[in-house]
Amino acid sequence: MKDTNSKIKVAIGSVFISILFVGSYWLFASYRPKALSEIREVRGYHTQSEVDIFDLPYPRYAKGVASDQTLNTKKFTFETDKSPQEIQTFYKNILLEDDWKMKKEGNIDYFYTSEYKKDNLSVIVWSFYDSDAKLTFASVEIMKFD
C-alpha cells in the first residue's frame, strides 16, 4: 500500500513539475521587453507653422545613427540616401522660413556645413557623402545660449 502511494505521489509530482516547466518556457518565449527610448527613424511628413527648436524634422527615410542631448544642446546624427546638398537645402528651407538667419555656410569636396542663428539659439548642420557606403551622413546640432 505504501509503495502504491509513493508511486502516485511521484506521478503527480512529475506532472506538476512538467506543467511548471511548460508554463515557464511559454512565459519566457512570449516575453517582449519594452524599449527604454526609441530613436526617431522617419520625420518630416507634416509641417507646422512654427518650428519647435528641439524637435526639428528629419528628411524622409533618414535612419538614426546617434543622438545626444544635454540641457542646452541636442544633436542627432543620421544616414540617408539624399545628397549632402539636398540635406543642406532641406534645413535651409525649414529654418529660413521660420526667420532664422544664416551665419555661414561652406563646403570642401563632399563635406557641407552651415550655421544658423536666431535670438540665443544656434543650429549647425553638416553633411558628408561616404563613397564607400554610398550614403550621406548628416548631423544637426541645436544649441541654446543663456
N, C-alpha and C. Protein backbone atom coordinates (compact mmCIF):
# COMPACT_ATOMS: atom_id res chain seq x y z
N MET A 1 0.81 -1.19 0.00
CA MET A 1 0.00 0.00 0.00
C MET A 1 0.86 1.27 0.00
N LYS A 2 1.91 1.22 0.84
CA LYS A 2 2.78 2.37 0.94
C LYS A 2 3.54 2.58 -0.38
N ASP A 3 3.91 1.52 -1.05
CA ASP A 3 4.62 1.59 -2.31
C ASP A 3 3.73 2.20 -3.40
N THR A 4 2.44 1.89 -3.39
CA THR A 4 1.50 2.43 -4.37
C THR A 4 1.30 3.93 -4.14
N ASN A 5 1.18 4.36 -2.88
CA ASN A 5 1.04 5.79 -2.56
C ASN A 5 2.26 6.58 -3.00
N SER A 6 3.44 6.01 -2.85
CA SER A 6 4.67 6.68 -3.27
C SER A 6 4.69 6.86 -4.78
N LYS A 7 4.26 5.82 -5.52
CA LYS A 7 4.23 5.90 -6.98
C LYS A 7 3.24 6.97 -7.44
N ILE A 8 2.09 7.06 -6.77
CA ILE A 8 1.09 8.07 -7.12
C ILE A 8 1.64 9.47 -6.84
N LYS A 9 2.30 9.65 -5.70
CA LYS A 9 2.89 10.95 -5.36
C LYS A 9 3.97 11.34 -6.37
N VAL A 10 4.79 10.38 -6.77
CA VAL A 10 5.84 10.66 -7.75
C VAL A 10 5.22 11.02 -9.09
N ALA A 11 4.16 10.32 -9.50
CA ALA A 11 3.50 10.60 -10.77
C ALA A 11 2.86 11.99 -10.74
N ILE A 12 2.18 12.33 -9.65
CA ILE A 12 1.55 13.65 -9.52
C ILE A 12 2.63 14.74 -9.49
N GLY A 13 3.70 14.50 -8.76
CA GLY A 13 4.81 15.46 -8.70
C GLY A 13 5.44 15.66 -10.07
N SER A 14 5.61 14.57 -10.83
CA SER A 14 6.19 14.67 -12.17
C SER A 14 5.30 15.48 -13.10
N VAL A 15 3.99 15.24 -13.04
CA VAL A 15 3.05 16.00 -13.86
C VAL A 15 3.09 17.47 -13.46
N PHE A 16 3.12 17.75 -12.17
CA PHE A 16 3.15 19.13 -11.68
C PHE A 16 4.43 19.85 -12.16
N ILE A 17 5.57 19.18 -12.05
CA ILE A 17 6.84 19.77 -12.50
C ILE A 17 6.83 19.98 -14.00
N SER A 18 6.26 19.05 -14.75
CA SER A 18 6.16 19.20 -16.20
C SER A 18 5.31 20.40 -16.57
N ILE A 19 4.19 20.59 -15.87
CA ILE A 19 3.32 21.74 -16.13
C ILE A 19 4.05 23.03 -15.80
N LEU A 20 4.80 23.06 -14.69
CA LEU A 20 5.59 24.25 -14.34
C LEU A 20 6.64 24.54 -15.40
N PHE A 21 7.31 23.51 -15.89
CA PHE A 21 8.34 23.68 -16.92
C PHE A 21 7.74 24.27 -18.19
N VAL A 22 6.63 23.67 -18.67
CA VAL A 22 5.99 24.14 -19.90
C VAL A 22 5.49 25.58 -19.71
N GLY A 23 4.89 25.89 -18.57
CA GLY A 23 4.41 27.24 -18.30
C GLY A 23 5.53 28.26 -18.26
N SER A 24 6.62 27.94 -17.59
CA SER A 24 7.73 28.89 -17.51
C SER A 24 8.39 29.07 -18.87
N TYR A 25 8.49 28.02 -19.66
CA TYR A 25 9.06 28.15 -21.00
C TYR A 25 8.17 29.04 -21.86
N TRP A 26 6.85 28.85 -21.76
CA TRP A 26 5.92 29.67 -22.55
C TRP A 26 6.04 31.15 -22.15
N LEU A 27 6.13 31.44 -20.84
CA LEU A 27 6.29 32.82 -20.39
C LEU A 27 7.61 33.41 -20.89
N PHE A 28 8.67 32.63 -20.84
CA PHE A 28 9.97 33.10 -21.32
C PHE A 28 9.93 33.38 -22.82
N ALA A 29 9.35 32.48 -23.59
CA ALA A 29 9.32 32.62 -25.05
C ALA A 29 8.42 33.77 -25.49
N SER A 30 7.40 34.10 -24.73
CA SER A 30 6.48 35.17 -25.13
C SER A 30 6.85 36.53 -24.55
N TYR A 31 7.92 36.63 -23.77
CA TYR A 31 8.33 37.89 -23.16
C TYR A 31 8.85 38.86 -24.23
N ARG A 32 8.35 40.09 -24.22
CA ARG A 32 8.81 41.14 -25.13
C ARG A 32 9.16 42.36 -24.28
N PRO A 33 10.45 42.68 -24.13
CA PRO A 33 10.83 43.82 -23.30
C PRO A 33 10.40 45.14 -23.93
N LYS A 34 10.15 46.13 -23.10
CA LYS A 34 9.78 47.45 -23.59
C LYS A 34 11.06 48.22 -23.89
N ALA A 35 11.04 48.98 -25.00
CA ALA A 35 12.19 49.80 -25.36
C ALA A 35 12.29 50.97 -24.40
N LEU A 36 13.50 51.24 -23.92
CA LEU A 36 13.68 52.36 -22.99
C LEU A 36 13.55 53.69 -23.69
N SER A 37 14.15 53.81 -24.86
CA SER A 37 13.99 55.02 -25.66
C SER A 37 14.12 54.64 -27.11
N GLU A 38 13.32 55.29 -27.90
CA GLU A 38 13.25 54.94 -29.31
C GLU A 38 13.94 56.02 -30.12
N ILE A 39 14.75 55.64 -31.09
CA ILE A 39 15.36 56.61 -31.98
C ILE A 39 14.38 56.93 -33.08
N ARG A 40 14.19 58.20 -33.34
CA ARG A 40 13.27 58.58 -34.40
C ARG A 40 13.89 58.23 -35.73
N GLU A 41 13.21 57.43 -36.50
CA GLU A 41 13.72 56.97 -37.78
C GLU A 41 13.29 57.88 -38.93
N VAL A 42 12.01 58.19 -39.01
CA VAL A 42 11.49 58.93 -40.15
C VAL A 42 10.71 60.13 -39.63
N ARG A 43 11.05 61.29 -40.12
CA ARG A 43 10.36 62.51 -39.71
C ARG A 43 10.12 63.36 -40.96
N GLY A 44 9.30 64.37 -40.82
CA GLY A 44 9.12 65.33 -41.90
C GLY A 44 7.88 65.10 -42.74
N TYR A 45 6.93 64.31 -42.29
CA TYR A 45 5.72 64.07 -43.07
C TYR A 45 4.70 65.19 -42.93
N HIS A 46 4.78 65.98 -41.89
CA HIS A 46 3.85 67.09 -41.75
C HIS A 46 4.63 68.33 -41.38
N THR A 47 4.04 69.47 -41.64
CA THR A 47 4.70 70.73 -41.33
C THR A 47 3.88 71.47 -40.29
N GLN A 48 4.54 72.33 -39.58
CA GLN A 48 3.89 73.15 -38.59
C GLN A 48 4.19 74.60 -38.92
N SER A 49 3.34 75.48 -38.46
CA SER A 49 3.56 76.90 -38.75
C SER A 49 4.77 77.44 -37.98
N GLU A 50 5.09 76.84 -36.84
CA GLU A 50 6.22 77.29 -36.04
C GLU A 50 7.10 76.08 -35.71
N VAL A 51 8.40 76.23 -35.88
CA VAL A 51 9.33 75.14 -35.64
C VAL A 51 9.69 75.09 -34.16
N ASP A 52 9.51 73.93 -33.54
CA ASP A 52 9.97 73.71 -32.17
C ASP A 52 11.46 73.40 -32.28
N ILE A 53 12.29 74.25 -31.74
CA ILE A 53 13.73 74.17 -31.98
C ILE A 53 14.33 72.84 -31.57
N PHE A 54 13.85 72.24 -30.52
CA PHE A 54 14.43 70.97 -30.10
C PHE A 54 13.72 69.78 -30.75
N ASP A 55 12.93 70.02 -31.76
CA ASP A 55 12.23 68.94 -32.45
C ASP A 55 12.18 69.22 -33.95
N LEU A 56 13.32 69.49 -34.54
CA LEU A 56 13.37 69.72 -35.99
C LEU A 56 13.06 68.42 -36.73
N PRO A 57 12.43 68.51 -37.88
CA PRO A 57 12.14 67.30 -38.65
C PRO A 57 13.40 66.75 -39.31
N TYR A 58 13.33 65.52 -39.73
CA TYR A 58 14.43 64.88 -40.42
C TYR A 58 13.97 64.48 -41.81
N PRO A 59 14.88 64.41 -42.76
CA PRO A 59 14.47 64.05 -44.11
C PRO A 59 13.80 62.67 -44.16
N ARG A 60 12.95 62.51 -45.11
CA ARG A 60 12.24 61.25 -45.28
C ARG A 60 13.25 60.12 -45.50
N TYR A 61 13.00 59.01 -44.87
CA TYR A 61 13.82 57.79 -44.92
C TYR A 61 15.18 57.94 -44.23
N ALA A 62 15.34 58.96 -43.41
CA ALA A 62 16.58 59.10 -42.64
C ALA A 62 16.60 58.03 -41.56
N LYS A 63 17.76 57.44 -41.35
CA LYS A 63 17.92 56.40 -40.33
C LYS A 63 18.86 56.93 -39.26
N GLY A 64 18.37 56.94 -38.03
CA GLY A 64 19.16 57.47 -36.92
C GLY A 64 20.40 56.63 -36.65
N VAL A 65 21.52 57.31 -36.45
CA VAL A 65 22.78 56.65 -36.13
C VAL A 65 23.15 56.92 -34.68
N ALA A 66 22.96 58.17 -34.24
CA ALA A 66 23.30 58.54 -32.86
C ALA A 66 22.54 59.79 -32.47
N SER A 67 22.34 59.95 -31.17
CA SER A 67 21.73 61.18 -30.68
C SER A 67 22.31 61.48 -29.30
N ASP A 68 22.35 62.77 -28.98
CA ASP A 68 22.88 63.21 -27.70
C ASP A 68 22.13 64.46 -27.29
N GLN A 69 21.76 64.55 -26.03
CA GLN A 69 21.03 65.72 -25.57
C GLN A 69 21.50 66.10 -24.17
N THR A 70 21.73 67.39 -24.01
CA THR A 70 22.03 67.95 -22.69
C THR A 70 20.97 69.01 -22.41
N LEU A 71 21.15 69.76 -21.37
CA LEU A 71 20.18 70.78 -21.01
C LEU A 71 20.02 71.83 -22.11
N ASN A 72 21.14 72.24 -22.73
CA ASN A 72 21.10 73.32 -23.71
C ASN A 72 21.46 72.90 -25.13
N THR A 73 21.68 71.62 -25.37
CA THR A 73 22.02 71.18 -26.73
C THR A 73 21.32 69.88 -27.06
N LYS A 74 21.14 69.67 -28.35
CA LYS A 74 20.62 68.41 -28.84
C LYS A 74 21.29 68.15 -30.19
N LYS A 75 21.79 66.93 -30.35
CA LYS A 75 22.48 66.58 -31.59
C LYS A 75 21.93 65.24 -32.07
N PHE A 76 21.61 65.19 -33.35
CA PHE A 76 21.10 63.96 -33.94
C PHE A 76 21.88 63.70 -35.21
N THR A 77 22.47 62.51 -35.32
CA THR A 77 23.23 62.11 -36.49
C THR A 77 22.47 61.00 -37.19
N PHE A 78 22.39 61.09 -38.51
CA PHE A 78 21.62 60.11 -39.26
C PHE A 78 22.28 59.83 -40.60
N GLU A 79 21.84 58.75 -41.23
CA GLU A 79 22.29 58.42 -42.58
C GLU A 79 21.08 58.46 -43.50
N THR A 80 21.33 58.78 -44.76
CA THR A 80 20.25 58.92 -45.72
C THR A 80 20.78 58.68 -47.13
N ASP A 81 19.87 58.42 -48.05
CA ASP A 81 20.27 58.25 -49.44
C ASP A 81 20.25 59.59 -50.19
N LYS A 82 19.88 60.66 -49.52
CA LYS A 82 19.88 62.00 -50.13
C LYS A 82 21.31 62.51 -50.24
N SER A 83 21.54 63.45 -51.14
CA SER A 83 22.88 64.03 -51.30
C SER A 83 23.14 65.05 -50.19
N PRO A 84 24.40 65.39 -49.93
CA PRO A 84 24.70 66.41 -48.91
C PRO A 84 24.04 67.76 -49.24
N GLN A 85 23.98 68.10 -50.54
CA GLN A 85 23.34 69.36 -50.93
C GLN A 85 21.84 69.33 -50.61
N GLU A 86 21.18 68.17 -50.82
CA GLU A 86 19.75 68.06 -50.51
C GLU A 86 19.50 68.22 -49.01
N ILE A 87 20.40 67.69 -48.19
CA ILE A 87 20.26 67.83 -46.73
C ILE A 87 20.38 69.31 -46.36
N GLN A 88 21.37 69.99 -46.91
CA GLN A 88 21.55 71.41 -46.61
C GLN A 88 20.34 72.22 -47.06
N THR A 89 19.82 71.94 -48.25
CA THR A 89 18.64 72.64 -48.76
C THR A 89 17.42 72.37 -47.90
N PHE A 90 17.26 71.12 -47.45
CA PHE A 90 16.14 70.73 -46.60
C PHE A 90 16.09 71.61 -45.35
N TYR A 91 17.22 71.71 -44.65
CA TYR A 91 17.24 72.50 -43.42
C TYR A 91 17.24 74.00 -43.70
N LYS A 92 17.84 74.42 -44.78
CA LYS A 92 17.84 75.84 -45.14
C LYS A 92 16.40 76.31 -45.36
N ASN A 93 15.60 75.53 -46.08
CA ASN A 93 14.20 75.90 -46.34
C ASN A 93 13.40 75.98 -45.04
N ILE A 94 13.60 75.02 -44.16
CA ILE A 94 12.85 74.98 -42.90
C ILE A 94 13.23 76.17 -42.01
N LEU A 95 14.52 76.40 -41.84
CA LEU A 95 14.98 77.42 -40.90
C LEU A 95 14.77 78.84 -41.41
N LEU A 96 15.06 79.09 -42.68
CA LEU A 96 14.87 80.45 -43.21
C LEU A 96 13.39 80.83 -43.24
N GLU A 97 12.52 79.84 -43.45
CA GLU A 97 11.08 80.11 -43.42
C GLU A 97 10.62 80.53 -42.03
N ASP A 98 11.34 80.12 -41.01
CA ASP A 98 10.99 80.46 -39.62
C ASP A 98 11.85 81.62 -39.10
N ASP A 99 12.32 82.47 -40.00
CA ASP A 99 13.06 83.70 -39.68
C ASP A 99 14.43 83.47 -39.05
N TRP A 100 15.05 82.36 -39.30
CA TRP A 100 16.43 82.15 -38.89
C TRP A 100 17.33 82.89 -39.87
N LYS A 101 18.49 83.29 -39.41
CA LYS A 101 19.48 83.96 -40.25
C LYS A 101 20.67 83.03 -40.45
N MET A 102 21.10 82.92 -41.71
CA MET A 102 22.27 82.08 -41.99
C MET A 102 23.52 82.84 -41.58
N LYS A 103 24.30 82.24 -40.68
CA LYS A 103 25.52 82.88 -40.22
C LYS A 103 26.66 82.57 -41.18
N LYS A 104 26.77 81.29 -41.59
CA LYS A 104 27.81 80.92 -42.55
C LYS A 104 27.48 79.57 -43.16
N GLU A 105 28.04 79.34 -44.33
CA GLU A 105 27.92 78.05 -44.98
C GLU A 105 29.15 77.83 -45.86
N GLY A 106 29.46 76.57 -46.10
CA GLY A 106 30.60 76.26 -46.93
C GLY A 106 30.69 74.78 -47.22
N ASN A 107 31.62 74.46 -48.12
CA ASN A 107 31.84 73.05 -48.44
C ASN A 107 33.26 72.84 -48.95
N ILE A 108 33.73 71.63 -48.69
CA ILE A 108 35.01 71.16 -49.20
C ILE A 108 34.75 69.75 -49.73
N ASP A 109 34.93 69.57 -51.02
CA ASP A 109 34.66 68.29 -51.67
C ASP A 109 33.24 67.82 -51.35
N TYR A 110 33.11 66.72 -50.61
CA TYR A 110 31.79 66.17 -50.31
C TYR A 110 31.30 66.52 -48.90
N PHE A 111 31.95 67.44 -48.22
CA PHE A 111 31.58 67.83 -46.87
C PHE A 111 30.95 69.23 -46.91
N TYR A 112 29.71 69.33 -46.44
CA TYR A 112 28.98 70.59 -46.43
C TYR A 112 28.60 70.95 -45.00
N THR A 113 28.65 72.24 -44.70
CA THR A 113 28.27 72.69 -43.37
C THR A 113 27.57 74.04 -43.47
N SER A 114 26.67 74.29 -42.54
CA SER A 114 26.01 75.59 -42.47
C SER A 114 25.62 75.85 -41.01
N GLU A 115 25.55 77.14 -40.69
CA GLU A 115 25.19 77.53 -39.32
C GLU A 115 24.13 78.62 -39.39
N TYR A 116 23.13 78.48 -38.54
CA TYR A 116 22.01 79.41 -38.50
C TYR A 116 21.87 79.98 -37.09
N LYS A 117 21.42 81.22 -36.99
CA LYS A 117 21.24 81.89 -35.70
C LYS A 117 19.84 82.50 -35.63
N LYS A 118 19.29 82.47 -34.42
CA LYS A 118 18.03 83.15 -34.13
C LYS A 118 18.00 83.41 -32.64
N ASP A 119 17.98 84.68 -32.28
CA ASP A 119 17.99 85.08 -30.88
C ASP A 119 19.18 84.42 -30.16
N ASN A 120 18.92 83.63 -29.12
CA ASN A 120 20.01 82.97 -28.37
C ASN A 120 20.16 81.51 -28.77
N LEU A 121 19.73 81.17 -30.00
CA LEU A 121 19.79 79.80 -30.49
C LEU A 121 20.70 79.70 -31.70
N SER A 122 21.31 78.55 -31.85
CA SER A 122 22.17 78.29 -32.99
C SER A 122 21.94 76.85 -33.47
N VAL A 123 21.93 76.67 -34.79
CA VAL A 123 21.80 75.35 -35.40
C VAL A 123 22.96 75.16 -36.36
N ILE A 124 23.66 74.05 -36.19
CA ILE A 124 24.75 73.69 -37.11
C ILE A 124 24.35 72.41 -37.82
N VAL A 125 24.41 72.45 -39.14
CA VAL A 125 24.06 71.28 -39.97
C VAL A 125 25.29 70.92 -40.79
N TRP A 126 25.72 69.67 -40.67
CA TRP A 126 26.79 69.21 -41.56
C TRP A 126 26.34 67.94 -42.25
N SER A 127 26.84 67.75 -43.46
CA SER A 127 26.50 66.55 -44.22
C SER A 127 27.72 66.14 -45.04
N PHE A 128 27.90 64.83 -45.16
CA PHE A 128 29.09 64.28 -45.80
C PHE A 128 28.70 63.04 -46.58
N TYR A 129 29.13 62.95 -47.84
CA TYR A 129 28.86 61.77 -48.65
C TYR A 129 30.01 60.78 -48.50
N ASP A 130 29.68 59.56 -48.09
CA ASP A 130 30.67 58.49 -47.96
C ASP A 130 30.57 57.61 -49.19
N SER A 131 31.58 57.69 -50.06
CA SER A 131 31.53 56.94 -51.32
C SER A 131 31.65 55.44 -51.11
N ASP A 132 32.28 55.00 -50.02
CA ASP A 132 32.37 53.57 -49.74
C ASP A 132 31.00 53.00 -49.35
N ALA A 133 30.30 53.70 -48.48
CA ALA A 133 28.99 53.24 -48.02
C ALA A 133 27.88 53.63 -48.99
N LYS A 134 28.18 54.55 -49.90
CA LYS A 134 27.18 55.07 -50.85
C LYS A 134 26.00 55.70 -50.11
N LEU A 135 26.30 56.38 -49.02
CA LEU A 135 25.29 57.04 -48.19
C LEU A 135 25.80 58.42 -47.78
N THR A 136 24.86 59.27 -47.43
CA THR A 136 25.21 60.56 -46.85
C THR A 136 24.99 60.49 -45.35
N PHE A 137 25.96 60.93 -44.58
CA PHE A 137 25.84 61.02 -43.14
C PHE A 137 25.67 62.50 -42.80
N ALA A 138 24.74 62.79 -41.92
CA ALA A 138 24.47 64.19 -41.58
C ALA A 138 24.23 64.31 -40.08
N SER A 139 24.46 65.52 -39.58
CA SER A 139 24.25 65.79 -38.17
C SER A 139 23.63 67.17 -38.02
N VAL A 140 22.67 67.27 -37.11
CA VAL A 140 22.03 68.54 -36.80
C VAL A 140 22.24 68.79 -35.31
N GLU A 141 22.90 69.89 -35.01
CA GLU A 141 23.16 70.23 -33.61
C GLU A 141 22.46 71.53 -33.28
N ILE A 142 21.66 71.51 -32.25
CA ILE A 142 20.88 72.67 -31.83
C ILE A 142 21.41 73.13 -30.48
N MET A 143 21.80 74.40 -30.38
CA MET A 143 22.37 74.90 -29.14
C MET A 143 21.61 76.12 -28.67
N LYS A 144 21.43 76.19 -27.37
CA LYS A 144 20.77 77.34 -26.75
C LYS A 144 21.78 78.03 -25.84
N PHE A 145 21.99 79.33 -26.07
CA PHE A 145 22.92 80.09 -25.26
C PHE A 145 22.15 80.95 -24.28
N ASP A 146 22.55 80.89 -23.02
CA ASP A 146 21.86 81.69 -21.99
C ASP A 146 22.46 83.05 -21.86
